[in-house]
């Protein structure tokens, strides 16, 4: 849970304060994801963690994570929202098709 939360926070902080441009769509399960176009940061995922993100314009993004050994919850964040989204009873990260909070319209929030 801590690693998932830290990943989501890293994505949010980088986008807000560093003006990071994200790649269009990326997904990884137990590997790593490189965020950014010019100022890149590579985030290494734990072996059971899946992460997805989408940034269709470079100005907006959505990101979600899921731990297959965890509680059956997926977590998500979006650039146009200040909440953390979650979905229970899932088997993958999901979301991240539009690159904004509409990806999580059916998810619960914290």
C-alpha atoms as a PDB file:
ATOM      1  CA  UNK A   1       0.000   0.000   0.000  1.00  0.00           C
ATOM      2  CA  UNK A   2       2.797   2.419   0.880  1.00  0.00           C
ATOM      3  CA  UNK A   3       4.572   1.824  -2.444  1.00  0.00           C
ATOM      4  CA  UNK A   4       1.349   2.281  -4.404  1.00  0.00           C
ATOM      5  CA  UNK A   5       0.579   5.492  -2.557  1.00  0.00           C
ATOM      6  CA  UNK A   6       4.140   6.758  -3.078  1.00  0.00           C
ATOM      7  CA  UNK A   7       3.916   6.021  -6.821  1.00  0.00           C
ATOM      8  CA  UNK A   8       0.663   7.951  -7.118  1.00  0.00           C
ATOM      9  CA  UNK A   9       2.072  10.848  -5.119  1.00  0.00           C
ATOM     10  CA  UNK A  10       5.249  10.907  -7.246  1.00  0.00           C
ATOM     11  CA  UNK A  11       3.168  11.123 -10.425  1.00  0.00           C
ATOM     12  CA  UNK A  12       1.024  13.924  -8.989  1.00  0.00           C
ATOM     13  CA  UNK A  13       3.897  15.986  -7.603  1.00  0.00           C
ATOM     14  CA  UNK A  14       5.996  15.697 -10.754  1.00  0.00           C
ATOM     15  CA  UNK A  15       3.156  16.816 -12.969  1.00  0.00           C
ATOM     16  CA  UNK A  16       2.168  19.730 -10.751  1.00  0.00           C
ATOM     17  CA  UNK A  17       5.561  21.149  -9.850  1.00  0.00           C
ATOM     18  CA  UNK A  18       7.957  20.077 -12.597  1.00  0.00           C
ATOM     19  CA  UNK A  19       5.813  20.412 -15.694  1.00  0.00           C
ATOM     20  CA  UNK A  20       6.605  16.849 -16.720  1.00  0.00           C
ATOM     21  CA  UNK A  21       5.241  15.739 -20.072  1.00  0.00           C
ATOM     22  CA  UNK A  22       4.202  12.115 -19.958  1.00  0.00           C
ATOM     23  CA  UNK A  23       4.312   9.551 -22.710  1.00  0.00           C
ATOM     24  CA  UNK A  24       0.953   8.833 -24.310  1.00  0.00           C
ATOM     25  CA  UNK A  25       0.043   5.471 -22.723  1.00  0.00           C
ATOM     26  CA  UNK A  26       2.207   3.190 -20.616  1.00  0.00           C
ATOM     27  CA  UNK A  27       1.543   0.059 -18.609  1.00  0.00           C
ATOM     28  CA  UNK A  28       3.847  -2.183 -16.617  1.00  0.00           C
ATOM     29  CA  UNK A  29       3.479  -5.135 -14.295  1.00  0.00           C
ATOM     30  CA  UNK A  30       6.399  -5.702 -11.933  1.00  0.00           C
ATOM     31  CA  UNK A  31       8.798  -3.750 -14.135  1.00  0.00           C
ATOM     32  CA  UNK A  32       9.354  -0.033 -14.388  1.00  0.00           C
ATOM     33  CA  UNK A  33       7.739   2.994 -15.978  1.00  0.00           C
ATOM     34  CA  UNK A  34       9.620   6.020 -17.245  1.00  0.00           C
ATOM     35  CA  UNK A  35       7.743   9.254 -16.645  1.00  0.00           C
ATOM     36  CA  UNK A  36       8.522  12.427 -18.537  1.00  0.00           C
ATOM     37  CA  UNK A  37       9.741  13.494 -21.934  1.00  0.00           C
ATOM     38  CA  UNK A  38      12.633  15.868 -21.233  1.00  0.00           C
ATOM     39  CA  UNK A  39      13.174  15.481 -17.483  1.00  0.00           C
ATOM     40  CA  UNK A  40      12.542  11.764 -17.104  1.00  0.00           C
ATOM     41  CA  UNK A  41      12.169   9.734 -13.932  1.00  0.00           C
ATOM     42  CA  UNK A  42      12.042   5.946 -13.916  1.00  0.00           C
ATOM     43  CA  UNK A  43       9.815   4.408 -11.250  1.00  0.00           C
ATOM     44  CA  UNK A  44      10.616   0.773 -10.425  1.00  0.00           C
ATOM     45  CA  UNK A  45       7.614  -1.308  -9.426  1.00  0.00           C
ATOM     46  CA  UNK A  46       7.564  -4.181  -6.960  1.00  0.00           C
ATOM     47  CA  UNK A  47       7.139  -7.634  -8.484  1.00  0.00           C
ATOM     48  CA  UNK A  48       3.388  -7.810  -7.817  1.00  0.00           C
ATOM     49  CA  UNK A  49       2.499  -4.218  -8.680  1.00  0.00           C
ATOM     50  CA  UNK A  50       0.862  -3.176 -11.945  1.00  0.00           C
ATOM     51  CA  UNK A  51       0.746   0.474 -13.008  1.00  0.00           C
ATOM     52  CA  UNK A  52      -0.943   2.290 -15.905  1.00  0.00           C
ATOM     53  CA  UNK A  53      -0.946   5.905 -16.990  1.00  0.00           C
ATOM     54  CA  UNK A  54      -2.142   7.938 -19.900  1.00  0.00           C
ATOM     55  CA  UNK A  55      -1.296  11.479 -20.923  1.00  0.00           C
ATOM     56  CA  UNK A  56      -2.952  12.208 -24.246  1.00  0.00           C
ATOM     57  CA  UNK A  57      -1.923  15.876 -24.447  1.00  0.00           C
ATOM     58  CA  UNK A  58       1.099  16.187 -22.155  1.00  0.00           C
ATOM     59  CA  UNK A  59      -0.919  18.602 -20.003  1.00  0.00           C
ATOM     60  CA  UNK A  60      -3.311  16.041 -18.531  1.00  0.00           C
ATOM     61  CA  UNK A  61      -2.853  12.550 -17.159  1.00  0.00           C
ATOM     62  CA  UNK A  62      -4.433   9.698 -15.251  1.00  0.00           C
ATOM     63  CA  UNK A  63      -2.538   6.975 -13.402  1.00  0.00           C
ATOM     64  CA  UNK A  64      -3.625   3.816 -11.608  1.00  0.00           C
ATOM     65  CA  UNK A  65      -1.940   1.025  -9.646  1.00  0.00           C
ATOM     66  CA  UNK A  66      -2.844  -2.424  -8.369  1.00  0.00           C
ATOM     67  CA  UNK A  67      -1.005  -4.964  -6.191  1.00  0.00           C
ATOM     68  CA  UNK A  68      -1.928  -8.578  -6.992  1.00  0.00           C
ATOM     69  CA  UNK A  69      -0.885  -9.664  -3.477  1.00  0.00           C
ATOM     70  CA  UNK A  70      -2.800  -6.820  -1.846  1.00  0.00           C
ATOM     71  CA  UNK A  71      -6.364  -6.139  -0.761  1.00  0.00           C
ATOM     72  CA  UNK A  72      -8.051  -6.339  -4.177  1.00  0.00           C
ATOM     73  CA  UNK A  73      -8.107  -2.561  -4.562  1.00  0.00           C
ATOM     74  CA  UNK A  74      -6.873  -0.454  -7.444  1.00  0.00           C
ATOM     75  CA  UNK A  75      -5.933   3.185  -6.829  1.00  0.00           C
ATOM     76  CA  UNK A  76      -5.959   6.085  -9.262  1.00  0.00           C
ATOM     77  CA  UNK A  77      -5.195   9.798  -9.611  1.00  0.00           C
ATOM     78  CA  UNK A  78      -5.879  12.355 -12.333  1.00  0.00           C
ATOM     79  CA  UNK A  79      -4.416  15.765 -13.132  1.00  0.00           C
ATOM     80  CA  UNK A  80      -7.797  17.499 -13.070  1.00  0.00           C
ATOM     81  CA  UNK A  81      -8.758  16.231  -9.612  1.00  0.00           C
ATOM     82  CA  UNK A  82      -7.336  16.470  -6.095  1.00  0.00           C
ATOM     83  CA  UNK A  83      -8.717  13.159  -4.794  1.00  0.00           C
ATOM     84  CA  UNK A  84      -7.393   9.602  -4.742  1.00  0.00           C
ATOM     85  CA  UNK A  85      -9.755   7.142  -6.427  1.00  0.00           C
ATOM     86  CA  UNK A  86     -10.092   3.482  -5.501  1.00  0.00           C
ATOM     87  CA  UNK A  87     -11.989   0.464  -6.733  1.00  0.00           C
ATOM     88  CA  UNK A  88     -12.476  -2.799  -4.817  1.00  0.00           C
ATOM     89  CA  UNK A  89     -12.768  -6.385  -6.020  1.00  0.00           C
ATOM     90  CA  UNK A  90     -10.570  -5.894  -9.078  1.00  0.00           C
ATOM     91  CA  UNK A  91      -7.732  -7.893 -10.629  1.00  0.00           C
ATOM     92  CA  UNK A  92      -5.894  -5.145 -12.526  1.00  0.00           C
ATOM     93  CA  UNK A  93      -5.052  -1.439 -12.364  1.00  0.00           C
ATOM     94  CA  UNK A  94      -7.667  -0.328 -14.912  1.00  0.00           C
ATOM     95  CA  UNK A  95      -8.694   3.183 -15.872  1.00  0.00           C
ATOM     96  CA  UNK A  96      -6.396   5.477 -17.829  1.00  0.00           C
ATOM     97  CA  UNK A  97      -8.167   5.560 -21.197  1.00  0.00           C
ATOM     98  CA  UNK A  98      -8.965   9.302 -21.353  1.00  0.00           C
ATOM     99  CA  UNK A  99      -6.103  10.768 -19.345  1.00  0.00           C
ATOM    100  CA  UNK A 100      -8.344  12.627 -16.891  1.00  0.00           C
ATOM    101  CA  UNK A 101     -10.759  12.058 -13.998  1.00  0.00           C
ATOM    102  CA  UNK A 102     -13.490  10.637 -16.262  1.00  0.00           C
ATOM    103  CA  UNK A 103     -11.396   7.441 -16.237  1.00  0.00           C
ATOM    104  CA  UNK A 104     -12.473   6.997 -12.622  1.00  0.00           C
ATOM    105  CA  UNK A 105     -16.111   8.162 -12.782  1.00  0.00           C
ATOM    106  CA  UNK A 106     -17.413   4.868 -11.361  1.00  0.00           C
ATOM    107  CA  UNK A 107     -14.667   4.587  -8.692  1.00  0.00           C
ATOM    108  CA  UNK A 108     -14.976   5.613  -5.034  1.00  0.00           C
ATOM    109  CA  UNK A 109     -12.889   8.453  -3.578  1.00  0.00           C
ATOM    110  CA  UNK A 110     -10.921   9.088  -0.412  1.00  0.00           C
END
